[in-house]
Protein backbone atom coordinates (compact mmCIF):
# COMPACT_ATOMS: atom_id res chain seq x y z
CA UNK A 1 19.39 8.97 14.41
CA UNK A 2 20.80 5.73 15.43
CA UNK A 3 20.12 5.10 18.95
CA UNK A 4 22.99 2.13 18.82
CA UNK A 5 25.53 4.48 18.08
CA UNK A 6 24.53 7.38 20.50
CA UNK A 7 24.16 4.67 23.38
CA UNK A 8 27.95 3.43 22.44
CA UNK A 9 29.68 6.56 22.42
CA UNK A 10 27.48 7.56 25.22
CA UNK A 11 29.36 4.56 27.45
CA UNK A 12 32.85 5.24 26.11
CA UNK A 13 32.64 9.15 27.66
CA UNK A 14 31.75 8.05 30.58
CA UNK A 15 28.82 9.98 31.14
CA UNK A 16 26.29 8.58 34.15
CA UNK A 17 22.90 8.71 33.97
CA UNK A 18 20.13 6.13 33.26
CA UNK A 19 21.41 4.90 29.84
CA UNK A 20 20.38 1.40 29.74
CA UNK A 21 16.16 2.51 29.41
CA UNK A 22 17.08 4.96 27.88
CA UNK A 23 14.49 5.66 24.37
CA UNK A 24 16.97 6.49 21.23
CA UNK A 25 15.52 10.73 21.74
CA UNK A 26 16.54 10.45 25.69
CA UNK A 27 20.00 9.26 24.50
CA UNK A 28 20.60 12.72 23.02
CA UNK A 29 19.80 14.97 25.32
CA UNK A 30 22.06 12.51 27.23
CA UNK A 31 24.98 13.31 25.04
CA UNK A 32 24.35 16.73 24.63
CA UNK A 33 24.14 17.73 29.06
CA UNK A 34 27.56 15.29 28.35
CA UNK A 35 28.78 17.72 25.64
CA UNK A 36 27.75 20.58 28.17
CA UNK A 37 28.73 19.12 31.04
CA UNK A 38 32.37 18.87 29.54
CA UNK A 39 32.87 21.75 28.73
CA UNK A 40 31.81 23.60 31.76
CA UNK A 41 34.73 21.38 33.46
CA UNK A 42 37.08 23.24 30.68
CA UNK A 43 36.40 27.02 31.32
CA UNK A 44 36.51 26.17 34.95
CA UNK A 45 39.37 24.05 34.51
CA UNK A 46 41.11 26.63 32.22
CA UNK A 47 40.72 29.54 35.08
CA UNK A 48 42.37 27.64 37.98
CA UNK A 49 44.69 26.83 35.43
CA UNK A 50 44.70 23.49 35.55
CA UNK A 51 45.21 22.54 31.64
CA UNK A 52 45.54 19.75 31.76
CA UNK A 53 41.85 18.70 32.86
CA UNK A 54 40.65 21.62 30.05
CA UNK A 55 42.45 19.82 27.58
CA UNK A 56 40.35 16.04 28.72
CA UNK A 57 36.77 18.06 29.59
CA UNK A 58 37.63 19.54 25.81
CA UNK A 59 38.75 16.19 24.34
CA UNK A 60 35.74 14.25 26.26
CA UNK A 61 32.98 16.72 24.63
CA UNK A 62 34.59 16.24 20.73
CA UNK A 63 34.14 12.69 21.83
CA UNK A 64 30.58 13.48 22.89
CA UNK A 65 30.33 14.85 19.81
CA UNK A 66 31.29 12.80 17.51
CA UNK A 67 29.35 10.08 18.99
CA UNK A 68 26.26 12.61 18.03
CA UNK A 69 28.19 12.82 14.21
CA UNK A 70 28.24 8.99 14.14
CA UNK A 71 24.35 9.18 15.13
CA UNK A 72 22.55 11.34 12.12
CA UNK A 73 20.66 9.21 10.07
CA UNK A 74 21.19 11.38 6.73
CA UNK A 75 18.67 9.24 4.99
CA UNK A 76 15.84 10.04 7.20
CA UNK A 77 16.97 13.44 8.79
CA UNK A 78 18.01 14.89 5.36
CA UNK A 79 19.19 18.58 5.21
CA UNK A 80 18.44 18.94 8.49
CA UNK A 81 20.61 16.04 9.41
CA UNK A 82 23.40 17.67 6.31
CA UNK A 83 22.63 21.29 8.25
CA UNK A 84 23.58 19.26 11.81
CA UNK A 85 26.38 17.70 10.85
CA UNK A 86 28.67 20.42 9.20
CA UNK A 87 27.21 22.30 12.72
CA UNK A 88 29.04 19.09 14.64
CA UNK A 89 31.61 19.77 12.89
CA UNK A 90 31.94 23.38 13.32
CA UNK A 91 31.21 23.35 17.18
CA UNK A 92 34.18 20.41 17.16
CA UNK A 93 36.63 23.61 15.75
CA UNK A 94 35.88 25.82 17.42
CA UNK A 95 36.58 23.36 20.98
CA UNK A 96 40.05 22.60 19.51
CA UNK A 97 40.45 25.87 18.89
CA UNK A 98 39.29 26.82 22.62
CA UNK A 99 41.76 24.09 23.67
CA UNK A 100 44.96 25.61 21.47
CA UNK A 101 44.21 29.46 22.19
CA UNK A 102 43.30 29.20 25.48
CA UNK A 103 39.77 30.99 24.45
CA UNK A 104 36.94 31.13 27.72
CA UNK A 105 35.35 32.67 24.53
CA UNK A 106 35.38 30.12 21.76
CA UNK A 107 33.80 27.52 24.48
CA UNK A 108 31.06 29.90 25.51
CA UNK A 109 30.02 29.59 21.89
CA UNK A 110 30.26 26.34 21.27
CA UNK A 111 28.75 25.57 24.60
CA UNK A 112 25.57 28.34 23.15
CA UNK A 113 25.38 26.66 19.67
CA UNK A 114 25.60 23.35 21.85
CA UNK A 115 22.03 24.30 24.40
CA UNK A 116 20.53 25.96 21.66
CA UNK A 117 20.84 22.09 19.67
CA UNK A 118 19.95 21.29 22.97
CA UNK A 119 16.66 23.73 22.97
CA UNK A 120 14.73 22.82 19.73
CA UNK A 121 15.51 19.33 20.57
CA UNK A 122 14.27 18.95 23.99
CA UNK A 123 10.99 20.58 22.42
CA UNK A 124 10.54 17.71 20.40
CA UNK A 125 7.92 15.10 21.64
CA UNK A 126 9.17 11.96 22.93
CA UNK A 127 6.39 9.70 21.71
CA UNK A 128 6.82 12.17 18.32
CA UNK A 129 10.07 10.97 18.03
CA UNK A 130 9.34 7.45 18.30
CA UNK A 131 7.24 7.28 14.88
């Protein structure tokens, strides 16, 4: 993962927290949290029929996920990076469809997939991530 790319994307999407002092491992955790938060917010906006806010939150989640994709290191990550890239692309597709169709179930699907990625990422020791 490229920490500089993740940091830039994190700052561009206005996710708050201790970005400047965060390790690359922590930045990815924060990005995943930010995307999940945006998906939950979009679902809430959808239920309240706030179409503009729903679209804004989905767009923000997609931007964060694109930042995660851009930070993938295909040389070091090999097959794992390729699989994550395809999964991030799929999640963005699901989010776009959720936005077009106003479909809460698709938002749930995207959130579930991102949550699984985050659980895997959280299981990595920050010390191991720096090796």
